[in-house]
Amino acid sequence: MPESPFGVARMLLRSSRAMGSITFNYHFAPAYTSLSSSPVHLFFPDKAAFTAAFANQAVDMDLTKVIGKAHDYVLSIGRPATLGEIIQELSDKYPRETKIIVDNVRKFGLRDEYMIPVYGPNKIEACICYGFDVPITDLPKPILNELEAISMMGHRRLVHYFNKRGQQTPLSRRESEVLHWMAQGKSSSVIATIMGISPATVDSYTRRLFGKFGVHDRIAAVLAGMAAGMVRLD
């Protein structure tokens, strides 16, 4: 099993492609949307055009919320679900947003998605989604079982990676404070006001956190801190 996050992503993408998947998404649980104005993706779909289609919708906060609701639903039921099942569950309450999702899915040749909930310590949860050009009900059961198995193994490896990096990374008091406020979804300017320092200084501490954790964005930094027990979402 690969060690790095991108190694995990490549493994999942390669394995799912071999089973006929044409897109792959790794969505962290809705709790993490406080860190971003768009749905939280650590990794992106196989089709660049499919990614771009949803990126164009990212400014629509209603769409962001309904995607979060879909992932929240899958995590709450504690079992894999199909995109069709999710659309049916949410369409009455969110007709416009679910129509946007369905239209984009159809535009790029997808018939269905297999959405798998995965769990880790300190509430590090995610939905790993595999898109197919056939209904999920047409796929053999062994393929679905294998997708579930590699998803659980990959997520555990990812959490282990962040945990290991966090445990090996002592933080200064100021870095810990910045990380805490990042986990609460505060912007750099708000953190600067809270801490009584300049936004440029906050950015400097943020870059140090990225370097220590070996990550490149706020979400991954918070995940690393959570995996190591350094921070939690209130």
Protein backbone atom coordinates (compact mmCIF):
# COMPACT_ATOMS: atom_id res chain seq x y z
CA MET A 1 0.00 0.00 0.00
CA PRO A 2 1.46 3.44 -0.98
CA GLU A 3 2.49 5.84 1.78
CA SER A 4 1.73 9.33 0.44
CA PRO A 5 -1.72 10.88 -0.17
CA PHE A 6 -1.11 11.05 -3.90
CA GLY A 7 0.16 7.49 -3.84
CA VAL A 8 -3.13 6.46 -2.25
CA ALA A 9 -5.04 8.45 -4.87
CA ARG A 10 -3.11 6.82 -7.73
CA MET A 11 -3.74 3.37 -6.28
CA LEU A 12 -7.48 3.98 -5.98
CA LEU A 13 -7.70 5.54 -9.42
CA ARG A 14 -5.70 2.76 -11.09
CA SER A 15 -7.63 -0.01 -9.33
CA SER A 16 -11.05 1.51 -10.00
CA ARG A 17 -10.21 2.12 -13.67
CA ALA A 18 -9.40 -1.56 -14.02
CA MET A 19 -12.93 -2.27 -12.75
CA GLY A 20 -14.55 0.04 -15.30
CA SER A 21 -14.86 3.29 -13.31
CA ILE A 22 -14.54 6.44 -15.42
CA THR A 23 -14.42 9.04 -12.61
CA PHE A 24 -13.02 9.05 -9.09
CA ASN A 25 -13.73 11.58 -6.32
CA TYR A 26 -12.48 11.77 -2.75
CA HIS A 27 -14.82 14.07 -0.80
CA PHE A 28 -14.15 14.86 2.83
CA ALA A 29 -17.14 15.00 5.13
CA PRO A 30 -19.36 18.11 5.16
CA ALA A 31 -17.83 19.27 8.45
CA TYR A 32 -14.77 20.31 6.45
CA THR A 33 -16.72 22.67 4.20
CA SER A 34 -16.15 25.31 6.87
CA LEU A 35 -12.59 25.41 5.52
CA SER A 36 -13.60 26.11 1.93
CA SER A 37 -16.26 27.88 -0.12
CA SER A 38 -16.66 24.85 -2.40
CA PRO A 39 -17.09 21.11 -1.88
CA VAL A 40 -13.99 19.69 -0.23
CA HIS A 41 -12.03 17.47 -2.61
CA LEU A 42 -8.60 16.13 -1.79
CA PHE A 43 -8.44 14.36 -5.12
CA PHE A 44 -10.32 15.01 -8.36
CA PRO A 45 -12.26 13.07 -11.00
CA ASP A 46 -10.49 11.21 -13.76
CA LYS A 47 -12.12 13.40 -16.43
CA ALA A 48 -10.76 16.94 -16.40
CA ALA A 49 -13.88 18.22 -18.16
CA PHE A 50 -16.07 16.72 -15.45
CA THR A 51 -14.00 18.51 -12.81
CA ALA A 52 -14.30 21.79 -14.70
CA ALA A 53 -18.06 21.43 -14.96
CA PHE A 54 -18.48 21.21 -11.22
CA ALA A 55 -15.80 23.84 -10.61
CA ASN A 56 -17.97 26.28 -12.57
CA GLN A 57 -20.77 25.61 -10.08
CA ALA A 58 -18.55 25.98 -6.99
CA VAL A 59 -19.63 29.56 -6.34
CA ASP A 60 -23.22 28.37 -5.91
CA MET A 61 -23.44 27.92 -2.16
CA ASP A 62 -26.79 26.14 -2.45
CA LEU A 63 -25.18 23.54 -4.70
CA THR A 64 -22.27 23.27 -2.27
CA LYS A 65 -24.71 22.58 0.54
CA VAL A 66 -26.68 19.92 -1.32
CA ILE A 67 -23.47 18.07 -2.28
CA GLY A 68 -22.54 18.21 1.39
CA LYS A 69 -26.00 16.88 2.26
CA ALA A 70 -25.48 13.97 -0.14
CA HIS A 71 -22.19 13.01 1.51
CA ASP A 72 -23.66 13.55 4.96
CA TYR A 73 -26.51 11.20 4.07
CA VAL A 74 -24.14 8.46 2.90
CA LEU A 75 -22.07 8.79 6.08
CA SER A 76 -25.19 8.78 8.24
CA ILE A 77 -26.60 5.55 6.81
CA GLY A 78 -23.20 3.88 7.20
CA ARG A 79 -23.26 1.94 3.96
CA PRO A 80 -22.52 2.53 0.27
CA ALA A 81 -25.22 4.19 -1.80
CA THR A 82 -25.77 4.92 -5.47
CA LEU A 83 -26.08 8.39 -6.94
CA GLY A 84 -29.59 7.46 -8.04
CA GLU A 85 -30.56 6.67 -4.47
CA ILE A 86 -29.12 9.97 -3.25
CA ILE A 87 -30.90 12.00 -5.93
CA GLN A 88 -34.18 10.36 -5.02
CA GLU A 89 -33.58 11.12 -1.35
CA LEU A 90 -32.76 14.81 -1.88
CA SER A 91 -34.68 15.84 -5.02
CA ASP A 92 -37.90 16.88 -3.28
CA LYS A 93 -36.10 19.25 -0.93
CA TYR A 94 -33.42 20.45 -3.36
CA PRO A 95 -34.93 20.17 -6.87
CA ARG A 96 -32.78 22.84 -8.58
CA GLU A 97 -29.47 21.64 -7.13
CA THR A 98 -30.10 17.96 -7.78
CA LYS A 99 -31.05 18.82 -11.37
CA ILE A 100 -27.68 20.57 -11.82
CA ILE A 101 -25.90 17.47 -10.50
CA VAL A 102 -27.89 15.13 -12.76
CA ASP A 103 -27.36 17.35 -15.84
CA ASN A 104 -23.58 17.47 -15.30
CA VAL A 105 -23.38 13.74 -14.67
CA ARG A 106 -25.28 12.95 -17.87
CA LYS A 107 -23.34 15.50 -19.92
CA PHE A 108 -20.10 13.63 -19.34
CA GLY A 109 -21.36 10.13 -19.90
CA LEU A 110 -21.95 8.97 -16.34
CA ARG A 111 -24.95 6.81 -15.55
CA ASP A 112 -24.35 6.33 -11.85
CA GLU A 113 -21.89 6.65 -8.98
CA TYR A 114 -21.03 4.22 -6.20
CA MET A 115 -20.60 6.34 -3.08
CA ILE A 116 -18.69 4.64 -0.25
CA PRO A 117 -18.48 6.07 3.29
CA VAL A 118 -15.12 5.68 5.02
CA TYR A 119 -14.28 6.50 8.63
CA GLY A 120 -11.19 7.27 10.69
CA PRO A 121 -10.14 8.45 14.15
CA ASN A 122 -10.94 11.98 15.31
CA LYS A 123 -13.94 12.11 12.95
CA ILE A 124 -11.83 12.07 9.78
CA GLU A 125 -14.59 10.84 7.50
CA ALA A 126 -15.09 10.93 3.75
CA CYS A 127 -17.12 9.67 0.82
CA ILE A 128 -15.16 8.02 -1.96
CA CYS A 129 -17.17 8.02 -5.17
CA TYR A 130 -16.64 6.00 -8.35
CA GLY A 131 -18.52 6.95 -11.50
CA PHE A 132 -19.64 4.42 -14.12
CA ASP A 133 -21.28 4.57 -17.53
CA VAL A 134 -23.69 1.81 -16.47
CA PRO A 135 -26.13 1.60 -13.56
CA ILE A 136 -24.48 0.39 -10.36
CA THR A 137 -27.09 -2.38 -10.21
CA ASP A 138 -25.56 -3.83 -13.40
CA LEU A 139 -22.12 -4.25 -11.81
CA PRO A 140 -21.14 -7.66 -10.41
CA LYS A 141 -21.18 -7.85 -6.62
CA PRO A 142 -17.45 -8.81 -6.44
CA ILE A 143 -16.53 -5.49 -8.11
CA LEU A 144 -18.57 -3.52 -5.57
CA ASN A 145 -17.00 -5.50 -2.74
CA GLU A 146 -13.51 -4.78 -4.06
CA LEU A 147 -14.25 -1.06 -4.41
CA GLU A 148 -15.38 -1.00 -0.78
CA ALA A 149 -12.26 -2.87 0.36
CA ILE A 150 -9.74 -0.66 -1.46
CA SER A 151 -11.58 2.47 -0.32
CA MET A 152 -11.39 1.48 3.34
CA MET A 153 -7.74 0.48 3.06
CA GLY A 154 -6.83 3.66 1.19
CA HIS A 155 -8.56 5.92 3.70
CA ARG A 156 -6.88 4.19 6.62
CA ARG A 157 -3.52 4.63 4.92
CA LEU A 158 -4.27 8.31 4.34
CA VAL A 159 -5.21 8.87 7.98
CA HIS A 160 -2.07 6.98 9.05
CA TYR A 161 0.05 9.24 6.84
CA PHE A 162 -1.38 12.42 8.36
CA ASN A 163 -1.13 10.98 11.86
CA LYS A 164 2.53 10.07 11.33
CA ARG A 165 3.39 13.49 9.91
CA GLY A 166 1.60 15.21 12.78
CA GLN A 167 3.32 13.18 15.49
CA GLN A 168 6.71 13.98 13.98
CA THR A 169 5.94 17.68 13.78
CA PRO A 170 6.24 19.83 16.93
CA LEU A 171 4.46 23.15 16.55
CA SER A 172 5.19 26.47 18.19
CA ARG A 173 2.49 28.09 20.32
CA ARG A 174 1.65 30.55 17.55
CA GLU A 175 1.53 27.82 14.88
CA SER A 176 -0.81 25.79 17.07
CA GLU A 177 -3.03 28.81 17.54
CA VAL A 178 -3.21 29.47 13.79
CA LEU A 179 -3.99 25.81 13.17
CA HIS A 180 -6.79 25.95 15.75
CA TRP A 181 -8.47 28.90 14.07
CA MET A 182 -7.98 27.38 10.62
CA ALA A 183 -9.88 24.32 11.88
CA GLN A 184 -12.74 26.64 12.86
CA GLY A 185 -12.91 27.89 9.28
CA LYS A 186 -11.52 31.36 9.99
CA SER A 187 -9.89 33.32 7.16
CA SER A 188 -6.38 34.71 7.44
CA SER A 189 -7.71 38.22 8.02
CA VAL A 190 -10.03 37.06 10.80
CA ILE A 191 -7.25 35.02 12.42
CA ALA A 192 -5.01 38.10 12.27
CA THR A 193 -7.65 40.15 14.11
CA ILE A 194 -8.19 37.45 16.74
CA MET A 195 -4.46 37.01 17.39
CA GLY A 196 -3.56 40.69 17.12
CA ILE A 197 -1.05 40.17 14.32
CA SER A 198 -0.92 41.10 10.64
CA PRO A 199 -2.45 38.94 7.88
CA ALA A 200 1.05 38.61 6.40
CA THR A 201 2.26 37.08 9.66
CA VAL A 202 -0.68 34.66 9.65
CA ASP A 203 0.25 33.68 6.09
CA SER A 204 3.83 33.11 7.26
CA TYR A 205 2.66 30.78 10.05
CA THR A 206 0.36 29.02 7.56
CA ARG A 207 3.26 28.37 5.17
CA ARG A 208 5.28 26.97 8.08
CA LEU A 209 2.41 24.60 8.90
CA PHE A 210 2.28 23.46 5.27
CA GLY A 211 6.01 22.81 5.30
CA LYS A 212 5.98 20.91 8.59
CA PHE A 213 3.04 18.72 7.62
CA GLY A 214 4.20 18.27 4.02
CA VAL A 215 0.91 19.56 2.59
CA HIS A 216 -0.16 22.34 0.23
CA ASP A 217 -3.54 23.57 1.48
CA ARG A 218 -5.46 24.46 4.64
CA ILE A 219 -7.72 21.40 4.52
CA ALA A 220 -4.82 18.95 4.43
CA ALA A 221 -3.05 20.86 7.22
CA VAL A 222 -6.13 20.63 9.45
CA LEU A 223 -6.51 16.94 8.61
CA ALA A 224 -2.90 16.32 9.60
CA GLY A 225 -3.45 18.18 12.86
CA MET A 226 -6.65 16.27 13.58
CA ALA A 227 -5.08 12.89 12.82
CA ALA A 228 -2.32 13.68 15.33
CA GLY A 229 -4.80 14.89 17.95
CA MET A 230 -3.42 18.45 17.78
CA VAL A 231 -6.73 20.06 16.84
CA ARG A 232 -10.39 19.21 16.52
CA LEU A 233 -13.51 20.68 14.97
CA ASP A 234 -15.82 22.13 17.60
